[in-house]
């Protein structure tokens, strides 16, 4: 017999929550839908999470770790610092072209919260800070005069490309952002 551990149940709840929120948003992801989709009882959900907000935050935190690991791994496959900076956008293009692309989960969920101190918004802010830190790291490796300023400019290109790809359905937004990055980098 295959026993499901409490950690398995928690992971199932988090996985389903993340998928549903990414697909339809926080407001559309009710507890009844979570119970039905995850195949667990409401009591099981509340055993691990005090409320929907706590569950949403935990699911987004997991997505942050997974997404950043994936993005770094893919971007870092390029050989030189300049190539890695350009690869920021090549990797985005591949993501945009993937099945189920629904934009940035952190931008999307931030749009559902009004309060800048909302825990969901704070997770999104932490995610964007980690992304900025990574881009600044790449700019430093490239030898940029002001890696912080360049990193902020590239972050705007990254998030702009993600938003245009989602809203306009224009996956070439990554290519356009990469062209702009080339100009910023003098490449």
C-alpha atoms as a PDB file:
ATOM      1  CA  UNK A   1       0.000   0.000   0.000  1.00  0.00           C
ATOM      2  CA  UNK A   2       1.259   3.473  -0.877  1.00  0.00           C
ATOM      3  CA  UNK A   3       1.044   5.783   2.136  1.00  0.00           C
ATOM      4  CA  UNK A   4       0.780   9.505   1.698  1.00  0.00           C
ATOM      5  CA  UNK A   5       2.782  11.373   4.301  1.00  0.00           C
ATOM      6  CA  UNK A   6       1.733  14.681   5.816  1.00  0.00           C
ATOM      7  CA  UNK A   7       4.551  16.360   3.879  1.00  0.00           C
ATOM      8  CA  UNK A   8       3.164  14.860   0.651  1.00  0.00           C
ATOM      9  CA  UNK A   9      -0.278  16.251   1.463  1.00  0.00           C
ATOM     10  CA  UNK A  10       1.170  19.685   2.177  1.00  0.00           C
ATOM     11  CA  UNK A  11       3.106  19.611  -1.112  1.00  0.00           C
ATOM     12  CA  UNK A  12       0.019  18.532  -3.052  1.00  0.00           C
ATOM     13  CA  UNK A  13      -1.940  21.418  -1.533  1.00  0.00           C
ATOM     14  CA  UNK A  14       0.835  23.885  -2.409  1.00  0.00           C
ATOM     15  CA  UNK A  15       1.269  22.536  -5.948  1.00  0.00           C
ATOM     16  CA  UNK A  16      -2.454  22.728  -6.708  1.00  0.00           C
ATOM     17  CA  UNK A  17      -2.761  26.175  -5.136  1.00  0.00           C
ATOM     18  CA  UNK A  18       0.103  27.498  -7.218  1.00  0.00           C
ATOM     19  CA  UNK A  19      -1.305  26.046 -10.443  1.00  0.00           C
ATOM     20  CA  UNK A  20      -4.796  27.390  -9.812  1.00  0.00           C
ATOM     21  CA  UNK A  21      -3.597  30.846  -8.795  1.00  0.00           C
ATOM     22  CA  UNK A  22      -1.282  31.063 -11.806  1.00  0.00           C
ATOM     23  CA  UNK A  23      -4.076  29.982 -14.125  1.00  0.00           C
ATOM     24  CA  UNK A  24      -6.971  32.031 -12.743  1.00  0.00           C
ATOM     25  CA  UNK A  25      -5.784  34.359  -9.983  1.00  0.00           C
ATOM     26  CA  UNK A  26      -6.212  34.506  -6.231  1.00  0.00           C
ATOM     27  CA  UNK A  27      -9.829  35.663  -6.184  1.00  0.00           C
ATOM     28  CA  UNK A  28     -10.944  32.872  -8.539  1.00  0.00           C
ATOM     29  CA  UNK A  29      -9.174  30.231  -6.477  1.00  0.00           C
ATOM     30  CA  UNK A  30     -11.622  29.480  -3.694  1.00  0.00           C
ATOM     31  CA  UNK A  31     -11.223  26.922  -0.963  1.00  0.00           C
ATOM     32  CA  UNK A  32     -13.941  24.707  -2.490  1.00  0.00           C
ATOM     33  CA  UNK A  33     -12.015  24.555  -5.761  1.00  0.00           C
ATOM     34  CA  UNK A  34      -8.790  23.778  -3.901  1.00  0.00           C
ATOM     35  CA  UNK A  35     -10.461  20.957  -1.959  1.00  0.00           C
ATOM     36  CA  UNK A  36     -11.967  19.488  -5.117  1.00  0.00           C
ATOM     37  CA  UNK A  37      -8.857  19.828  -7.285  1.00  0.00           C
ATOM     38  CA  UNK A  38      -6.332  18.682  -4.671  1.00  0.00           C
ATOM     39  CA  UNK A  39      -8.517  15.807  -3.510  1.00  0.00           C
ATOM     40  CA  UNK A  40      -8.007  16.697   0.128  1.00  0.00           C
ATOM     41  CA  UNK A  41     -10.392  17.794   2.838  1.00  0.00           C
ATOM     42  CA  UNK A  42     -10.809  21.392   3.918  1.00  0.00           C
ATOM     43  CA  UNK A  43      -9.635  20.236   7.345  1.00  0.00           C
ATOM     44  CA  UNK A  44      -6.363  19.018   5.767  1.00  0.00           C
ATOM     45  CA  UNK A  45      -5.759  22.421   4.211  1.00  0.00           C
ATOM     46  CA  UNK A  46      -6.370  24.192   7.506  1.00  0.00           C
ATOM     47  CA  UNK A  47      -4.090  21.731   9.300  1.00  0.00           C
ATOM     48  CA  UNK A  48      -1.179  23.246   7.359  1.00  0.00           C
ATOM     49  CA  UNK A  49      -2.354  26.785   6.659  1.00  0.00           C
ATOM     50  CA  UNK A  50      -4.320  29.116   8.943  1.00  0.00           C
ATOM     51  CA  UNK A  51      -6.119  30.773   6.028  1.00  0.00           C
ATOM     52  CA  UNK A  52      -6.121  31.260   2.267  1.00  0.00           C
ATOM     53  CA  UNK A  53      -3.672  34.169   2.489  1.00  0.00           C
ATOM     54  CA  UNK A  54      -1.096  32.047   4.318  1.00  0.00           C
ATOM     55  CA  UNK A  55      -1.569  29.288   1.738  1.00  0.00           C
ATOM     56  CA  UNK A  56      -1.207  31.752  -1.144  1.00  0.00           C
ATOM     57  CA  UNK A  57       1.974  33.216   0.330  1.00  0.00           C
ATOM     58  CA  UNK A  58       3.499  29.763   0.843  1.00  0.00           C
ATOM     59  CA  UNK A  59       2.628  28.723  -2.727  1.00  0.00           C
ATOM     60  CA  UNK A  60       4.156  31.906  -4.150  1.00  0.00           C
ATOM     61  CA  UNK A  61       7.298  31.503  -2.052  1.00  0.00           C
ATOM     62  CA  UNK A  62       7.769  28.015  -3.489  1.00  0.00           C
ATOM     63  CA  UNK A  63       7.199  29.344  -6.998  1.00  0.00           C
ATOM     64  CA  UNK A  64       9.819  32.030  -6.375  1.00  0.00           C
ATOM     65  CA  UNK A  65      12.460  29.465  -5.430  1.00  0.00           C
ATOM     66  CA  UNK A  66      11.622  27.158  -8.326  1.00  0.00           C
ATOM     67  CA  UNK A  67      11.342  29.944 -10.928  1.00  0.00           C
ATOM     68  CA  UNK A  68      14.552  31.676  -9.883  1.00  0.00           C
ATOM     69  CA  UNK A  69      16.462  28.365  -9.900  1.00  0.00           C
ATOM     70  CA  UNK A  70      15.135  27.575 -13.371  1.00  0.00           C
ATOM     71  CA  UNK A  71      15.844  31.054 -14.729  1.00  0.00           C
ATOM     72  CA  UNK A  72      19.375  31.253 -13.318  1.00  0.00           C
ATOM     73  CA  UNK A  73      20.228  27.773 -14.570  1.00  0.00           C
ATOM     74  CA  UNK A  74      19.017  28.552 -18.091  1.00  0.00           C
ATOM     75  CA  UNK A  75      20.587  32.025 -18.284  1.00  0.00           C
ATOM     76  CA  UNK A  76      23.907  30.790 -16.869  1.00  0.00           C
ATOM     77  CA  UNK A  77      24.271  28.296 -19.730  1.00  0.00           C
ATOM     78  CA  UNK A  78      25.678  31.141 -21.840  1.00  0.00           C
ATOM     79  CA  UNK A  79      29.468  31.302 -21.830  1.00  0.00           C
ATOM     80  CA  UNK A  80      30.384  34.956 -21.292  1.00  0.00           C
ATOM     81  CA  UNK A  81      28.946  37.693 -19.068  1.00  0.00           C
ATOM     82  CA  UNK A  82      27.675  39.607 -22.122  1.00  0.00           C
ATOM     83  CA  UNK A  83      26.046  36.470 -23.517  1.00  0.00           C
ATOM     84  CA  UNK A  84      24.407  35.771 -20.143  1.00  0.00           C
ATOM     85  CA  UNK A  85      22.923  39.280 -20.103  1.00  0.00           C
ATOM     86  CA  UNK A  86      21.454  38.747 -23.559  1.00  0.00           C
ATOM     87  CA  UNK A  87      20.367  35.248 -22.590  1.00  0.00           C
ATOM     88  CA  UNK A  88      18.071  36.830 -19.975  1.00  0.00           C
ATOM     89  CA  UNK A  89      15.766  37.554 -22.910  1.00  0.00           C
ATOM     90  CA  UNK A  90      16.384  34.391 -24.940  1.00  0.00           C
ATOM     91  CA  UNK A  91      15.266  32.353 -21.934  1.00  0.00           C
ATOM     92  CA  UNK A  92      12.203  34.564 -21.531  1.00  0.00           C
ATOM     93  CA  UNK A  93      11.271  33.969 -25.170  1.00  0.00           C
ATOM     94  CA  UNK A  94      11.382  30.200 -24.635  1.00  0.00           C
ATOM     95  CA  UNK A  95       9.174  30.620 -21.557  1.00  0.00           C
ATOM     96  CA  UNK A  96       6.712  32.788 -23.478  1.00  0.00           C
ATOM     97  CA  UNK A  97       6.473  30.093 -26.146  1.00  0.00           C
ATOM     98  CA  UNK A  98       5.863  27.336 -23.596  1.00  0.00           C
ATOM     99  CA  UNK A  99       2.443  25.824 -23.014  1.00  0.00           C
ATOM    100  CA  UNK A 100       0.567  27.436 -20.170  1.00  0.00           C
ATOM    101  CA  UNK A 101       2.473  30.745 -20.121  1.00  0.00           C
ATOM    102  CA  UNK A 102       0.335  33.199 -18.145  1.00  0.00           C
ATOM    103  CA  UNK A 103       2.815  35.979 -17.430  1.00  0.00           C
ATOM    104  CA  UNK A 104       4.565  36.634 -14.159  1.00  0.00           C
ATOM    105  CA  UNK A 105       2.730  35.115 -11.202  1.00  0.00           C
ATOM    106  CA  UNK A 106       4.139  37.865  -8.989  1.00  0.00           C
ATOM    107  CA  UNK A 107       3.000  40.750 -11.166  1.00  0.00           C
ATOM    108  CA  UNK A 108      -0.380  39.057 -11.622  1.00  0.00           C
ATOM    109  CA  UNK A 109      -1.008  38.480  -7.921  1.00  0.00           C
ATOM    110  CA  UNK A 110       0.276  41.938  -6.989  1.00  0.00           C
ATOM    111  CA  UNK A 111      -2.430  43.333  -9.226  1.00  0.00           C
ATOM    112  CA  UNK A 112      -5.004  41.602  -7.053  1.00  0.00           C
ATOM    113  CA  UNK A 113      -3.867  43.304  -3.857  1.00  0.00           C
ATOM    114  CA  UNK A 114      -4.409  46.949  -3.001  1.00  0.00           C
ATOM    115  CA  UNK A 115      -2.220  47.291   0.056  1.00  0.00           C
ATOM    116  CA  UNK A 116       1.552  47.597  -0.556  1.00  0.00           C
ATOM    117  CA  UNK A 117       2.068  45.834   2.787  1.00  0.00           C
ATOM    118  CA  UNK A 118      -0.177  42.896   1.887  1.00  0.00           C
ATOM    119  CA  UNK A 119       1.785  39.651   2.432  1.00  0.00           C
ATOM    120  CA  UNK A 120       1.188  38.603  -1.182  1.00  0.00           C
ATOM    121  CA  UNK A 121       2.564  41.917  -2.437  1.00  0.00           C
ATOM    122  CA  UNK A 122       5.572  41.541  -0.135  1.00  0.00           C
ATOM    123  CA  UNK A 123       6.345  38.106  -1.600  1.00  0.00           C
ATOM    124  CA  UNK A 124       6.163  39.655  -5.072  1.00  0.00           C
ATOM    125  CA  UNK A 125       8.483  42.458  -3.989  1.00  0.00           C
ATOM    126  CA  UNK A 126      10.967  39.927  -2.577  1.00  0.00           C
ATOM    127  CA  UNK A 127      10.854  37.986  -5.842  1.00  0.00           C
ATOM    128  CA  UNK A 128      11.548  41.098  -7.910  1.00  0.00           C
ATOM    129  CA  UNK A 129      14.382  42.049  -5.552  1.00  0.00           C
ATOM    130  CA  UNK A 130      15.956  38.600  -6.032  1.00  0.00           C
ATOM    131  CA  UNK A 131      15.619  38.977  -9.783  1.00  0.00           C
ATOM    132  CA  UNK A 132      17.185  42.448  -9.633  1.00  0.00           C
ATOM    133  CA  UNK A 133      20.036  41.149  -7.464  1.00  0.00           C
ATOM    134  CA  UNK A 134      20.725  38.416 -10.004  1.00  0.00           C
ATOM    135  CA  UNK A 135      20.704  40.850 -12.924  1.00  0.00           C
ATOM    136  CA  UNK A 136      23.011  43.233 -11.007  1.00  0.00           C
ATOM    137  CA  UNK A 137      25.322  40.275 -10.373  1.00  0.00           C
ATOM    138  CA  UNK A 138      25.448  39.625 -14.117  1.00  0.00           C
ATOM    139  CA  UNK A 139      26.077  43.331 -14.798  1.00  0.00           C
ATOM    140  CA  UNK A 140      28.948  43.296 -12.297  1.00  0.00           C
ATOM    141  CA  UNK A 141      30.472  40.232 -13.987  1.00  0.00           C
ATOM    142  CA  UNK A 142      30.139  42.059 -17.309  1.00  0.00           C
ATOM    143  CA  UNK A 143      32.124  44.990 -15.888  1.00  0.00           C
ATOM    144  CA  UNK A 144      29.354  47.593 -16.042  1.00  0.00           C
ATOM    145  CA  UNK A 145      30.339  51.028 -14.730  1.00  0.00           C
ATOM    146  CA  UNK A 146      27.144  51.231 -12.660  1.00  0.00           C
ATOM    147  CA  UNK A 147      25.818  47.666 -12.298  1.00  0.00           C
ATOM    148  CA  UNK A 148      22.938  48.742 -10.039  1.00  0.00           C
ATOM    149  CA  UNK A 149      21.584  51.300 -12.521  1.00  0.00           C
ATOM    150  CA  UNK A 150      22.038  48.954 -15.478  1.00  0.00           C
ATOM    151  CA  UNK A 151      20.400  46.120 -13.526  1.00  0.00           C
ATOM    152  CA  UNK A 152      17.346  48.270 -12.816  1.00  0.00           C
ATOM    153  CA  UNK A 153      17.064  49.180 -16.499  1.00  0.00           C
ATOM    154  CA  UNK A 154      17.312  45.533 -17.535  1.00  0.00           C
ATOM    155  CA  UNK A 155      14.713  44.541 -14.926  1.00  0.00           C
ATOM    156  CA  UNK A 156      12.301  47.002 -16.515  1.00  0.00           C
ATOM    157  CA  UNK A 157      12.986  45.383 -19.892  1.00  0.00           C
ATOM    158  CA  UNK A 158      12.443  41.908 -18.413  1.00  0.00           C
ATOM    159  CA  UNK A 159       9.158  42.786 -16.696  1.00  0.00           C
ATOM    160  CA  UNK A 160       8.019  44.863 -19.656  1.00  0.00           C
ATOM    161  CA  UNK A 161       8.639  41.961 -22.024  1.00  0.00           C
ATOM    162  CA  UNK A 162       6.746  39.576 -19.740  1.00  0.00           C
ATOM    163  CA  UNK A 163       3.797  41.954 -19.519  1.00  0.00           C
ATOM    164  CA  UNK A 164       3.650  42.652 -23.269  1.00  0.00           C
ATOM    165  CA  UNK A 165       3.917  38.924 -24.025  1.00  0.00           C
ATOM    166  CA  UNK A 166       0.949  38.210 -21.760  1.00  0.00           C
ATOM    167  CA  UNK A 167      -1.292  41.186 -22.467  1.00  0.00           C
ATOM    168  CA  UNK A 168      -0.617  41.570 -26.184  1.00  0.00           C
ATOM    169  CA  UNK A 169       0.149  37.917 -26.915  1.00  0.00           C
ATOM    170  CA  UNK A 170       3.358  39.161 -28.533  1.00  0.00           C
ATOM    171  CA  UNK A 171       6.087  36.690 -27.668  1.00  0.00           C
ATOM    172  CA  UNK A 172       8.568  38.687 -29.740  1.00  0.00           C
ATOM    173  CA  UNK A 173       8.536  41.189 -26.855  1.00  0.00           C
ATOM    174  CA  UNK A 174      11.536  39.249 -25.513  1.00  0.00           C
ATOM    175  CA  UNK A 175      13.362  39.788 -28.803  1.00  0.00           C
ATOM    176  CA  UNK A 176      12.532  43.495 -28.765  1.00  0.00           C
ATOM    177  CA  UNK A 177      13.694  43.794 -25.157  1.00  0.00           C
ATOM    178  CA  UNK A 178      16.903  42.013 -26.085  1.00  0.00           C
ATOM    179  CA  UNK A 179      17.513  44.562 -28.882  1.00  0.00           C
ATOM    180  CA  UNK A 180      17.083  47.357 -26.348  1.00  0.00           C
ATOM    181  CA  UNK A 181      19.431  45.540 -23.938  1.00  0.00           C
ATOM    182  CA  UNK A 182      22.075  45.344 -26.684  1.00  0.00           C
ATOM    183  CA  UNK A 183      21.920  49.132 -26.965  1.00  0.00           C
ATOM    184  CA  UNK A 184      22.231  49.570 -23.201  1.00  0.00           C
ATOM    185  CA  UNK A 185      25.202  47.187 -23.187  1.00  0.00           C
ATOM    186  CA  UNK A 186      26.777  48.672 -26.338  1.00  0.00           C
ATOM    187  CA  UNK A 187      26.838  45.195 -27.944  1.00  0.00           C
END
